[in-house]
Amino acid sequence: MDVDEAVRKRMSVRAFKPDPVPGELVARLLETAALAPSGGNLQPWRVYALAGAPLAEFKALVSTTPMEQPEYEVYPESLWDPFRTRRYVCGEDLYASIEVTREDRPARFRQLARNTLFFDAPVGLFFCLDRKLGPPQWADVGMYMQTFMLLAVEAGLATCAQEYWARYPQTVAKFVGLPDDHMLFSGMALGYADEAAPINNWRTRRDPPDVWRDIRGFD
């Protein structure tokens, strides 16, 4: 598989098979992903991976834990266009894939809550960084995550990045033993995609390049 194919195949998978992922494979992917670029080679990422009994224990804990004050807002308040419309259309397409109407709020909340199960993936990951670092280092962690996700695709795995976990910063930090001077940035589900699940059989719409691309000075 080349990089182009991996980029095109990667998607946010929200239904996984129960098949376990070998620990040595996860460790290798995490190590290789650390070759991702980072400004000044700060390598700001800190990663925790849970599987088996620890993952089950964590999910049981979260099931009885109310949402907490997030350390950051995933989206700006009163999101504006074109960002608001893009997010709205994405949500409508997702719920349409599992035949949940806009009026069925309980079903929508049940689907949202599946984040706490890592969508039944056999591996849950948390990506953290020193809280004194700034936006450039947050971007570095994002590049690390993207590199990891593409390597996972090459290995036959699927992922779903989950900023949803920003809603449980204290619970995650306490469970994994995150130092006080570090903060949780994002979680991620990792495993083998259930390709028969309807929720995995749609793709987000992307604007044509002319909306955001400006190329100058080329022949």
Protein backbone atom coordinates (compact mmCIF):
# COMPACT_ATOMS: atom_id res chain seq x y z
CA MET A 1 0.00 0.00 0.00
CA ASP A 2 1.37 3.42 -0.92
CA VAL A 3 0.75 6.66 0.98
CA ASP A 4 -1.90 7.88 -1.46
CA GLU A 5 -3.93 4.71 -0.97
CA ALA A 6 -3.60 4.88 2.82
CA VAL A 7 -4.77 8.50 2.88
CA ARG A 8 -7.80 7.69 0.73
CA LYS A 9 -8.70 4.58 2.75
CA ARG A 10 -8.41 6.15 6.21
CA MET A 11 -11.72 7.13 7.75
CA SER A 12 -13.31 7.50 11.16
CA VAL A 13 -14.55 3.98 11.88
CA ARG A 14 -17.34 3.74 14.46
CA ALA A 15 -17.94 -0.02 14.58
CA PHE A 16 -15.15 -2.52 15.24
CA LYS A 17 -14.77 -6.28 15.35
CA PRO A 18 -13.81 -7.77 18.74
CA ASP A 19 -10.62 -9.33 17.34
CA PRO A 20 -7.64 -8.34 19.53
CA VAL A 21 -4.72 -6.38 18.13
CA PRO A 22 -1.28 -7.79 19.01
CA GLY A 23 0.54 -5.65 21.54
CA GLU A 24 3.80 -5.82 19.61
CA LEU A 25 2.03 -4.39 16.55
CA VAL A 26 0.60 -1.47 18.53
CA ALA A 27 4.02 -0.80 20.05
CA ARG A 28 5.67 -0.85 16.62
CA LEU A 29 3.14 1.54 15.11
CA LEU A 30 3.51 3.96 18.02
CA GLU A 31 7.29 3.86 17.68
CA THR A 32 7.30 4.38 13.93
CA ALA A 33 4.79 7.23 14.20
CA ALA A 34 7.31 9.05 16.40
CA LEU A 35 9.19 9.85 13.19
CA ALA A 36 6.44 12.41 12.53
CA PRO A 37 7.66 16.02 12.25
CA SER A 38 7.73 18.29 15.28
CA GLY A 39 8.99 21.87 15.47
CA GLY A 40 12.45 21.98 17.00
CA ASN A 41 12.19 18.19 17.44
CA LEU A 42 10.30 18.76 20.72
CA GLN A 43 8.41 15.48 20.25
CA PRO A 44 5.64 16.74 22.59
CA TRP A 45 3.43 13.64 22.44
CA ARG A 46 2.83 11.29 25.33
CA VAL A 47 0.70 8.23 24.52
CA TYR A 48 -1.18 5.66 26.61
CA ALA A 49 -2.63 2.48 25.07
CA LEU A 50 -5.23 0.31 26.81
CA ALA A 51 -6.44 -3.17 25.89
CA GLY A 52 -7.83 -6.25 27.61
CA ALA A 53 -8.57 -5.97 31.34
CA PRO A 54 -7.31 -2.37 31.76
CA LEU A 55 -9.55 -1.19 28.90
CA ALA A 56 -12.55 -3.04 30.34
CA GLU A 57 -11.87 -1.53 33.76
CA PHE A 58 -11.62 1.96 32.28
CA LYS A 59 -14.87 1.62 30.31
CA ALA A 60 -16.67 0.40 33.43
CA LEU A 61 -15.38 3.43 35.32
CA VAL A 62 -16.51 5.88 32.64
CA SER A 63 -19.96 4.29 32.51
CA THR A 64 -20.61 5.58 36.04
CA THR A 65 -18.79 8.90 35.70
CA PRO A 66 -20.60 12.12 34.69
CA MET A 67 -19.01 14.37 32.09
CA GLU A 68 -16.42 16.77 33.48
CA GLN A 69 -15.38 20.33 32.72
CA PRO A 70 -13.27 20.04 29.58
CA GLU A 71 -9.83 21.60 29.54
CA TYR A 72 -10.52 23.02 26.09
CA GLU A 73 -13.49 23.48 23.78
CA VAL A 74 -13.39 21.20 20.75
CA TYR A 75 -15.33 23.73 18.63
CA PRO A 76 -15.59 27.51 18.94
CA GLU A 77 -18.78 28.84 20.48
CA SER A 78 -21.48 29.80 17.94
CA LEU A 79 -19.72 28.11 15.04
CA TRP A 80 -20.06 30.10 11.81
CA ASP A 81 -20.23 29.19 8.13
CA PRO A 82 -18.81 27.45 6.25
CA PHE A 83 -17.68 25.46 9.30
CA ARG A 84 -21.15 25.22 10.86
CA THR A 85 -22.67 23.81 7.67
CA ARG A 86 -19.86 21.30 7.20
CA ARG A 87 -20.32 20.00 10.74
CA TYR A 88 -24.12 19.90 10.36
CA VAL A 89 -23.97 17.94 7.09
CA CYS A 90 -21.44 15.51 8.57
CA GLY A 91 -23.74 14.79 11.51
CA GLU A 92 -26.80 14.37 9.32
CA ASP A 93 -24.97 11.94 7.02
CA LEU A 94 -23.69 9.92 9.97
CA TYR A 95 -27.11 9.50 11.58
CA ALA A 96 -28.75 8.82 8.23
CA SER A 97 -26.39 5.86 7.76
CA ILE A 98 -27.91 4.20 10.86
CA GLU A 99 -31.45 5.44 10.14
CA VAL A 100 -31.65 7.81 13.08
CA THR A 101 -33.78 10.86 12.41
CA ARG A 102 -33.01 14.37 13.64
CA GLU A 103 -36.07 14.20 15.89
CA ASP A 104 -34.92 11.01 17.62
CA ARG A 105 -32.71 12.68 20.20
CA PRO A 106 -32.44 9.63 22.52
CA ALA A 107 -31.03 7.55 19.66
CA ARG A 108 -28.58 10.31 18.79
CA PHE A 109 -27.36 10.52 22.36
CA ARG A 110 -26.99 6.73 22.50
CA GLN A 111 -24.79 6.83 19.42
CA LEU A 112 -22.75 9.71 20.85
CA ALA A 113 -22.28 7.75 24.07
CA ARG A 114 -20.69 4.91 22.12
CA ASN A 115 -17.58 7.07 22.17
CA THR A 116 -17.14 5.95 25.79
CA LEU A 117 -16.87 2.35 24.53
CA PHE A 118 -14.30 3.30 21.89
CA PHE A 119 -17.01 1.99 19.51
CA ASP A 120 -16.18 -1.54 20.81
CA ALA A 121 -12.61 -1.33 19.50
CA PRO A 122 -10.18 -3.66 21.31
CA VAL A 123 -7.66 -0.83 21.84
CA GLY A 124 -8.14 2.65 23.24
CA LEU A 125 -5.41 5.28 23.06
CA PHE A 126 -4.92 8.65 24.71
CA PHE A 127 -2.67 11.39 23.32
CA CYS A 128 -1.39 13.95 25.80
CA LEU A 129 1.13 16.77 26.06
CA ASP A 130 2.67 19.17 28.56
CA ARG A 131 0.00 21.75 29.37
CA LYS A 132 2.49 24.63 29.12
CA LEU A 133 3.06 23.97 25.42
CA GLY A 134 1.17 25.98 22.82
CA PRO A 135 -0.73 25.64 19.52
CA PRO A 136 2.37 24.69 17.47
CA GLN A 137 2.93 21.68 19.71
CA TRP A 138 -0.76 20.75 19.55
CA ALA A 139 -0.26 20.66 15.78
CA ASP A 140 2.75 18.38 16.30
CA VAL A 141 0.60 15.95 18.30
CA GLY A 142 -1.96 16.06 15.49
CA MET A 143 0.74 15.16 12.97
CA TYR A 144 1.83 12.29 15.19
CA MET A 145 -1.76 11.03 15.34
CA GLN A 146 -2.20 11.28 11.57
CA THR A 147 1.06 9.43 10.98
CA PHE A 148 -0.10 6.72 13.38
CA MET A 149 -3.48 6.44 11.65
CA LEU A 150 -1.90 6.01 8.21
CA LEU A 151 0.47 3.36 9.54
CA ALA A 152 -2.55 1.61 11.07
CA VAL A 153 -4.29 1.56 7.69
CA GLU A 154 -1.20 0.01 6.11
CA ALA A 155 -1.28 -2.68 8.82
CA GLY A 156 -4.91 -3.53 8.02
CA LEU A 157 -6.29 -1.68 11.03
CA ALA A 158 -8.84 1.09 11.41
CA THR A 159 -9.06 4.09 13.72
CA CYS A 160 -11.32 6.84 14.97
CA ALA A 161 -9.76 9.93 16.52
CA GLN A 162 -11.89 11.02 19.48
CA GLU A 163 -11.67 14.54 20.82
CA TYR A 164 -14.80 13.44 22.67
CA TRP A 165 -12.50 12.39 25.52
CA ALA A 166 -11.83 16.07 26.26
CA ARG A 167 -15.07 15.71 28.27
CA TYR A 168 -13.36 13.35 30.76
CA PRO A 169 -9.92 14.91 31.40
CA GLN A 170 -9.71 14.15 35.11
CA THR A 171 -10.96 10.57 34.84
CA VAL A 172 -8.52 9.75 32.05
CA ALA A 173 -5.62 11.48 33.81
CA LYS A 174 -6.20 9.64 37.08
CA PHE A 175 -6.66 6.25 35.44
CA VAL A 176 -3.51 6.35 33.30
CA GLY A 177 -1.42 8.21 35.87
CA LEU A 178 -0.93 11.31 33.75
CA PRO A 179 1.40 13.82 35.48
CA ASP A 180 -0.28 17.01 36.70
CA ASP A 181 1.78 19.12 34.31
CA HIS A 182 0.34 17.23 31.32
CA MET A 183 -3.12 17.35 29.76
CA LEU A 184 -5.24 15.09 27.61
CA PHE A 185 -5.60 16.20 24.00
CA SER A 186 -7.47 13.35 22.29
CA GLY A 187 -8.37 9.70 22.42
CA MET A 188 -8.48 7.17 19.60
CA ALA A 189 -10.17 3.86 18.92
CA LEU A 190 -8.02 1.23 17.19
CA GLY A 191 -8.93 -2.18 15.84
CA TYR A 192 -10.32 -4.05 12.86
CA ALA A 193 -13.24 -2.38 11.10
CA ASP A 194 -16.61 -4.09 10.96
CA GLU A 195 -17.04 -3.43 7.27
CA ALA A 196 -20.61 -4.75 7.30
CA ALA A 197 -21.75 -2.08 9.76
CA PRO A 198 -23.82 0.63 8.00
CA ILE A 199 -22.12 3.39 9.99
CA ASN A 200 -18.83 2.47 8.29
CA ASN A 201 -20.26 2.66 4.80
CA TRP A 202 -20.45 6.38 4.22
CA ARG A 203 -17.84 9.09 3.74
CA THR A 204 -17.69 12.71 4.77
CA ARG A 205 -18.20 15.19 1.95
CA ARG A 206 -15.20 17.34 1.03
CA ASP A 207 -15.30 20.73 -0.65
CA PRO A 208 -13.76 20.92 -4.13
CA PRO A 209 -10.20 22.29 -4.14
CA ASP A 210 -11.26 25.58 -5.72
CA VAL A 211 -12.99 26.47 -2.43
CA TRP A 212 -9.76 26.46 -0.42
CA ARG A 213 -6.84 26.14 -2.85
CA ASP A 214 -4.87 29.04 -4.37
CA ILE A 215 -1.96 27.96 -6.60
CA ARG A 216 0.28 30.60 -8.18
CA GLY A 217 3.40 30.79 -10.31
CA PHE A 218 3.27 27.29 -11.81
CA ASP A 219 3.40 26.54 -15.55
